[in-house]
N, C-alpha and C. Protein backbone atom coordinates (compact mmCIF):
# COMPACT_ATOMS: atom_id res chain seq x y z
N ALA A 1 0.85 -1.12 0.04
CA ALA A 1 0.06 0.08 -0.13
C ALA A 1 1.19 1.05 -0.25
N SER A 2 2.24 1.30 0.38
CA SER A 2 2.91 2.06 0.32
C SER A 2 3.16 2.85 -0.68
N SER A 3 3.39 2.02 -1.81
CA SER A 3 3.88 2.14 -3.01
C SER A 3 2.82 3.08 -3.96
N ILE A 4 1.53 3.27 -3.51
CA ILE A 4 0.12 3.96 -4.00
C ILE A 4 0.30 5.30 -3.63
N SER A 5 0.33 6.70 -4.28
CA SER A 5 0.52 8.24 -3.43
C SER A 5 -1.10 8.29 -3.17
N SER A 6 -0.91 8.56 -1.92
CA SER A 6 -2.58 8.89 -1.55
C SER A 6 -2.91 10.45 -1.78
N PRO A 7 -4.00 10.34 -1.75
CA PRO A 7 -4.54 12.19 -1.88
C PRO A 7 -4.31 12.78 -0.69
N SER A 8 -4.38 13.91 -0.58
CA SER A 8 -3.78 14.82 0.73
C SER A 8 -5.02 14.63 1.70
N PHE A 9 -6.03 14.46 1.62
CA PHE A 9 -7.11 14.21 2.53
C PHE A 9 -7.66 13.29 2.88
N LEU A 10 -6.85 11.83 2.28
CA LEU A 10 -7.70 10.57 2.46
C LEU A 10 -6.49 9.57 2.91
N HIS A 11 -6.90 8.78 4.06
CA HIS A 11 -5.89 7.70 4.23
C HIS A 11 -6.30 6.67 3.72
N HIS A 12 -5.29 5.46 3.49
CA HIS A 12 -5.47 4.17 2.94
C HIS A 12 -5.99 3.65 4.45
N THR A 13 -7.07 2.98 4.14
CA THR A 13 -7.54 2.03 5.01
C THR A 13 -7.15 0.75 5.48
N MET A 14 -6.63 0.98 4.50
CA MET A 14 -5.52 -0.87 4.67
C MET A 14 -4.64 -1.12 5.78
N SER A 15 -4.96 -1.50 6.57
CA SER A 15 -3.87 -2.17 7.60
C SER A 15 -3.15 -3.05 7.76
N THR A 16 -1.54 -2.08 7.88
CA THR A 16 -0.30 -3.23 7.87
C THR A 16 -0.11 -3.83 8.62
N GLU A 17 -0.57 -3.44 9.76
CA GLU A 17 0.30 -4.09 11.27
C GLU A 17 -0.56 -5.31 11.49
N GLN A 18 -2.03 -5.74 11.08
CA GLN A 18 -2.43 -6.69 11.48
C GLN A 18 -3.44 -7.00 10.18
N GLU A 19 -2.89 -8.36 9.81
CA GLU A 19 -3.26 -9.09 8.62
C GLU A 19 -4.97 -9.70 8.57
N HIS A 20 -4.87 -10.06 9.72
CA HIS A 20 -6.22 -9.99 9.98
C HIS A 20 -7.37 -9.45 9.17
N GLU A 21 -6.91 -8.11 10.20
CA GLU A 21 -7.76 -7.03 9.96
C GLU A 21 -7.64 -5.81 8.51
N LYS A 22 -8.74 -6.19 7.65
CA LYS A 22 -8.89 -6.05 6.43
C LYS A 22 -8.53 -4.45 6.39
N PHE A 23 -9.58 -3.28 7.02
CA PHE A 23 -9.49 -1.63 7.11
C PHE A 23 -9.16 -1.69 8.71
N SER A 24 -8.32 -0.49 8.70
CA SER A 24 -8.80 0.28 9.94
C SER A 24 -9.77 0.96 10.36
N PRO A 25 -10.55 0.65 11.46
CA PRO A 25 -11.42 1.72 11.74
C PRO A 25 -11.60 3.34 11.74
N GLU A 26 -9.97 3.79 12.48
CA GLU A 26 -10.21 5.20 12.43
C GLU A 26 -9.61 5.57 11.20
N LYS A 27 -9.01 4.92 10.07
CA LYS A 27 -8.77 5.86 9.28
C LYS A 27 -9.99 5.36 7.98
N ILE A 28 -11.21 4.45 8.47
CA ILE A 28 -12.24 4.88 7.52
C ILE A 28 -13.33 5.87 8.43
N GLY A 29 -12.99 6.01 9.55
CA GLY A 29 -14.12 7.20 10.34
C GLY A 29 -13.26 8.50 9.55
N TYR A 30 -11.88 8.67 9.80
CA TYR A 30 -11.91 10.10 9.49
C TYR A 30 -12.21 9.87 8.04
N ASN A 31 -11.63 9.30 6.80
CA ASN A 31 -12.03 8.82 5.86
C ASN A 31 -13.54 9.64 5.46
N ASN A 32 -14.46 9.08 6.42
CA ASN A 32 -15.93 9.79 6.54
C ASN A 32 -16.03 10.67 6.88
N SER A 33 -15.65 11.05 7.75
CA SER A 33 -15.82 12.42 8.68
C SER A 33 -15.44 13.70 7.39
N VAL A 34 -14.41 13.80 6.74
CA VAL A 34 -13.79 14.19 5.30
C VAL A 34 -14.62 14.55 4.54
N LEU A 35 -15.42 13.54 3.71
CA LEU A 35 -16.55 13.15 2.99
C LEU A 35 -17.36 14.16 3.32
N TYR A 36 -17.61 13.59 4.51
CA TYR A 36 -19.01 14.58 4.92
C TYR A 36 -19.15 15.65 5.06
N PHE A 37 -17.63 16.36 5.70
CA PHE A 37 -17.46 17.73 5.77
C PHE A 37 -17.45 18.42 4.51
N ASN A 38 -16.76 17.76 3.34
CA ASN A 38 -16.76 18.41 1.77
C ASN A 38 -18.51 18.51 1.74
N ARG A 39 -19.14 17.52 1.50
CA ARG A 39 -20.68 17.50 1.13
C ARG A 39 -21.18 18.52 1.88
N VAL A 40 -20.99 18.82 3.22
CA VAL A 40 -21.73 19.43 4.00
C VAL A 40 -21.12 21.13 3.89
N CYS A 41 -20.30 21.41 3.25
CA CYS A 41 -19.65 22.39 3.00
C CYS A 41 -20.17 23.25 1.70
N ILE A 42 -19.76 22.20 0.62
CA ILE A 42 -20.56 22.18 -1.15
C ILE A 42 -21.86 22.61 -0.46
N SER A 43 -22.48 21.96 0.06
CA SER A 43 -24.21 21.80 0.41
C SER A 43 -24.47 23.45 0.57
N LEU A 44 -23.79 23.87 1.52
CA LEU A 44 -23.79 25.15 1.87
C LEU A 44 -23.67 26.39 1.17
N LEU A 45 -22.62 26.02 0.17
CA LEU A 45 -22.51 26.93 -0.69
C LEU A 45 -23.20 27.42 -1.79
N GLY A 46 -23.17 25.66 -1.80
CA GLY A 46 -24.55 25.52 -3.37
C GLY A 46 -25.97 26.10 -2.97
N GLY A 47 -26.43 25.88 -1.40
CA GLY A 47 -27.54 26.78 -1.48
C GLY A 47 -27.22 28.33 -1.04
N ILE A 48 -26.25 28.92 -0.99
CA ILE A 48 -25.93 30.15 -0.72
C ILE A 48 -26.55 30.60 -2.09
N ALA A 49 -25.30 30.14 -3.22
CA ALA A 49 -25.65 30.53 -4.38
C ALA A 49 -27.17 30.55 -5.58
N ALA A 50 -27.60 29.46 -4.88
CA ALA A 50 -29.27 29.19 -5.48
C ALA A 50 -30.09 30.18 -4.92
N GLY A 51 -29.91 30.32 -3.65
CA GLY A 51 -30.72 31.78 -3.03
C GLY A 51 -30.16 33.12 -3.88
N ILE A 52 -28.97 33.40 -3.64
CA ILE A 52 -28.47 34.74 -4.37
C ILE A 52 -28.97 34.61 -6.03
N LEU A 53 -28.85 33.68 -6.84
CA LEU A 53 -29.55 33.67 -7.97
C LEU A 53 -30.68 33.40 -8.26
N GLY A 54 -31.50 33.48 -7.03
CA GLY A 54 -32.79 33.27 -7.44
C GLY A 54 -33.24 32.01 -7.99
N ILE A 55 -32.88 31.02 -7.54
CA ILE A 55 -33.34 29.76 -8.58
C ILE A 55 -34.74 29.39 -7.73
N GLN A 56 -35.26 29.05 -8.41
CA GLN A 56 -36.85 28.52 -7.52
C GLN A 56 -37.11 27.30 -8.07
N GLY A 57 -38.19 26.59 -7.26
CA GLY A 57 -38.76 25.08 -7.94
C GLY A 57 -37.90 24.06 -7.89
N ILE A 58 -38.27 23.60 -8.85
CA ILE A 58 -37.54 22.49 -9.35
C ILE A 58 -36.15 22.48 -9.79
N TRP A 59 -35.73 23.77 -10.27
CA TRP A 59 -34.63 24.05 -10.47
C TRP A 59 -33.25 24.19 -9.46
N GLY A 60 -34.15 24.33 -8.31
CA GLY A 60 -33.11 24.05 -7.20
C GLY A 60 -32.66 22.84 -6.76
N LEU A 61 -33.66 21.74 -7.05
CA LEU A 61 -33.24 20.54 -7.26
C LEU A 61 -32.45 20.21 -8.09
N ILE A 62 -32.44 20.69 -9.04
CA ILE A 62 -31.51 20.09 -10.12
C ILE A 62 -30.54 20.90 -9.72
N PHE A 63 -30.26 22.15 -9.43
CA PHE A 63 -28.93 22.63 -8.76
C PHE A 63 -28.46 22.13 -8.03
N TYR A 64 -29.05 21.59 -6.78
CA TYR A 64 -28.38 20.86 -6.04
C TYR A 64 -27.73 19.18 -5.93
N LEU A 65 -28.38 18.75 -6.69
CA LEU A 65 -28.17 17.57 -7.29
C LEU A 65 -26.45 17.23 -8.61
N GLY A 66 -26.70 18.84 -9.03
CA GLY A 66 -25.35 19.16 -9.88
C GLY A 66 -24.44 19.35 -8.76
N THR A 67 -24.34 20.16 -7.97
CA THR A 67 -23.32 20.25 -7.02
C THR A 67 -23.36 19.29 -6.22
N TYR A 68 -24.16 18.45 -5.64
CA TYR A 68 -23.79 17.12 -4.86
C TYR A 68 -23.04 16.33 -5.65
N LEU A 69 -23.34 16.08 -7.44
CA LEU A 69 -23.09 15.00 -8.03
C LEU A 69 -21.43 15.60 -8.31
N PHE A 70 -20.67 17.19 -8.03
CA PHE A 70 -19.56 17.76 -8.46
C PHE A 70 -18.90 16.80 -7.42
N ILE A 71 -19.27 17.46 -5.92
CA ILE A 71 -18.43 16.92 -5.09
C ILE A 71 -18.14 15.44 -5.07
N SER A 72 -19.02 14.75 -5.54
CA SER A 72 -18.84 12.99 -5.33
C SER A 72 -18.02 12.98 -6.15
N LEU A 73 -17.85 13.32 -7.24
CA LEU A 73 -16.93 12.99 -8.71
C LEU A 73 -15.85 13.66 -8.21
N LEU A 74 -15.54 14.93 -7.46
CA LEU A 74 -14.39 15.49 -7.00
C LEU A 74 -14.13 14.54 -6.45
N SER A 75 -14.60 13.87 -5.19
CA SER A 75 -13.80 13.14 -4.65
C SER A 75 -13.39 11.77 -4.84
N LEU A 76 -14.40 11.26 -6.01
CA LEU A 76 -13.76 9.79 -6.90
C LEU A 76 -12.47 10.20 -7.73
N PHE A 77 -12.31 11.41 -7.90
CA PHE A 77 -10.98 11.78 -9.14
C PHE A 77 -9.85 11.68 -7.92
N GLN A 78 -10.29 12.38 -6.51
CA GLN A 78 -9.22 12.72 -5.46
C GLN A 78 -8.68 11.14 -5.52
N SER A 79 -9.34 9.97 -5.12
CA SER A 79 -8.94 9.06 -4.35
C SER A 79 -8.27 8.38 -5.83
N GLY A 80 -8.68 9.01 -7.56
CA GLY A 80 -7.74 7.94 -8.10
C GLY A 80 -8.84 6.95 -8.35
N PHE A 81 -10.35 7.18 -8.50
CA PHE A 81 -11.27 6.14 -8.54
C PHE A 81 -11.21 4.79 -8.36
N LYS A 82 -10.23 5.13 -6.68
CA LYS A 82 -10.02 3.46 -6.33
C LYS A 82 -10.44 3.48 -4.72
N THR A 83 -12.11 3.43 -4.57
CA THR A 83 -12.44 3.84 -3.39
C THR A 83 -12.48 2.54 -2.41
N GLU A 84 -12.22 1.64 -3.24
CA GLU A 84 -12.41 0.14 -2.48
C GLU A 84 -10.72 0.63 -1.75
N THR A 85 -9.68 1.42 -1.93
CA THR A 85 -8.50 1.57 -0.98
C THR A 85 -8.70 2.33 0.46
N TYR A 86 -9.86 3.39 -0.23
CA TYR A 86 -10.26 3.83 0.98
C TYR A 86 -11.46 4.24 1.99
N PHE A 87 -12.04 3.61 1.37
CA PHE A 87 -13.54 2.66 1.84
C PHE A 87 -14.07 1.56 1.80
N PRO A 88 -14.80 0.92 2.79
CA PRO A 88 -14.96 -0.70 2.35
C PRO A 88 -16.15 -0.43 1.66
N THR A 89 -17.18 0.45 1.14
CA THR A 89 -18.30 0.29 0.23
C THR A 89 -17.99 0.76 -0.88
N SER A 90 -18.73 0.27 -1.47
CA SER A 90 -19.42 0.44 -3.33
C SER A 90 -18.93 1.81 -3.55
N THR A 91 -18.48 2.00 -4.86
CA THR A 91 -18.54 3.12 -5.35
C THR A 91 -20.17 3.94 -4.97
N LEU A 92 -21.09 2.74 -5.83
CA LEU A 92 -22.47 3.61 -6.26
C LEU A 92 -22.80 4.22 -4.66
N SER A 93 -22.90 3.20 -3.60
CA SER A 93 -22.87 4.00 -2.36
C SER A 93 -22.46 4.95 -1.63
N LEU A 94 -21.51 5.18 -1.52
CA LEU A 94 -20.31 6.20 -1.61
C LEU A 94 -20.59 7.57 -2.03
N ILE A 95 -20.50 7.52 -3.62
CA ILE A 95 -21.53 8.56 -4.42
C ILE A 95 -23.15 9.21 -3.45
N TRP A 96 -24.01 8.66 -3.06
CA TRP A 96 -25.12 8.58 -3.13
C TRP A 96 -25.33 8.96 -1.52
N GLU A 97 -23.96 8.58 -0.64
CA GLU A 97 -24.43 8.24 1.16
C GLU A 97 -24.41 9.48 1.09
N GLY A 98 -25.22 10.18 1.96
CA GLY A 98 -25.50 11.59 2.52
C GLY A 98 -26.26 12.04 1.65
N THR A 99 -26.81 11.81 0.66
CA THR A 99 -27.26 12.32 0.17
C THR A 99 -28.40 13.87 0.46
N PHE A 100 -29.40 13.32 1.66
CA PHE A 100 -30.51 13.50 1.89
C PHE A 100 -29.99 14.53 3.20
N ALA A 101 -28.85 14.45 4.35
CA ALA A 101 -28.44 15.44 4.74
C ALA A 101 -27.44 16.70 4.50
N GLY A 102 -27.06 16.71 3.23
CA GLY A 102 -27.16 17.56 2.42
C GLY A 102 -27.91 18.11 2.13
N ALA A 103 -29.49 17.95 1.75
CA ALA A 103 -30.44 18.48 1.17
C ALA A 103 -30.85 19.34 1.97
N LEU A 104 -31.09 18.81 3.37
CA LEU A 104 -31.30 20.02 4.07
C LEU A 104 -30.40 21.10 4.71
N THR A 105 -29.43 21.13 4.45
CA THR A 105 -28.24 22.42 4.76
C THR A 105 -28.07 23.23 3.53
N PHE A 106 -28.49 22.48 2.18
CA PHE A 106 -28.48 23.07 0.71
C PHE A 106 -29.97 24.21 0.82
N VAL A 107 -31.20 23.22 1.35
CA VAL A 107 -32.81 24.38 0.90
C VAL A 107 -32.49 25.28 2.85
N CYS A 108 -31.71 25.08 3.67
CA CYS A 108 -31.89 25.97 4.89
C CYS A 108 -31.61 27.03 4.14
N PHE A 109 -30.06 27.22 3.56
CA PHE A 109 -29.26 28.44 3.33
C PHE A 109 -30.04 29.06 1.86
N TRP A 110 -30.44 27.94 0.90
CA TRP A 110 -31.28 28.61 -0.26
C TRP A 110 -32.29 29.23 0.25
N THR A 111 -33.23 28.89 0.97
CA THR A 111 -34.09 29.80 1.07
C THR A 111 -33.94 30.91 2.17
N LEU A 112 -32.78 30.75 3.27
CA LEU A 112 -32.39 31.73 3.61
C LEU A 112 -31.83 33.22 2.84
N PHE A 113 -31.14 32.94 2.30
CA PHE A 113 -30.29 33.98 1.01
C PHE A 113 -31.26 34.15 0.09
N TYR A 114 -32.21 33.00 -0.53
CA TYR A 114 -33.02 33.98 -0.94
C TYR A 114 -34.29 34.95 -0.70
N ASP A 115 -34.22 34.78 0.68
CA ASP A 115 -35.29 35.66 1.17
C ASP A 115 -34.76 36.67 1.92
N ILE A 116 -32.95 36.94 1.64
CA ILE A 116 -32.26 38.11 2.26
C ILE A 116 -32.56 38.87 1.30
N VAL A 117 -31.96 38.36 -0.06
CA VAL A 117 -31.74 39.11 -1.82
C VAL A 117 -32.67 39.32 -2.01
N HIS A 118 -33.66 38.46 -2.04
CA HIS A 118 -35.27 38.79 -3.31
C HIS A 118 -36.39 39.31 -2.33
N VAL A 119 -36.33 39.12 -0.92
CA VAL A 119 -37.62 39.50 -0.80
C VAL A 119 -37.63 40.63 0.11
N TYR A 120 -36.68 40.30 1.42
CA TYR A 120 -36.52 41.77 1.79
C TYR A 120 -35.77 43.16 1.23
């Protein structure tokens, strides 16, 4: 695992100390927390952008899905498309994991900034 260069924000989860343990729980937890933090920040910024731009209705949902897919693809690119090295789950579940948590953040900041800019 040392011959693979790791991205700056992820740790390899393969445990070299213990052969019977395939993944290191500490590193998996760290990788999940970094991924969650990135998604929440992008959802927050996307909600602010959607509110300032005055996006309404279904276009807001499309805007959210676009920003969410952007950060998911960026994370996949950073991991070299080898998610099994960093996460014990499949790539598809990794992409869609946390979609609704990010949606709540997006909607909160979308409505807040829409009201600030366009209503008041």
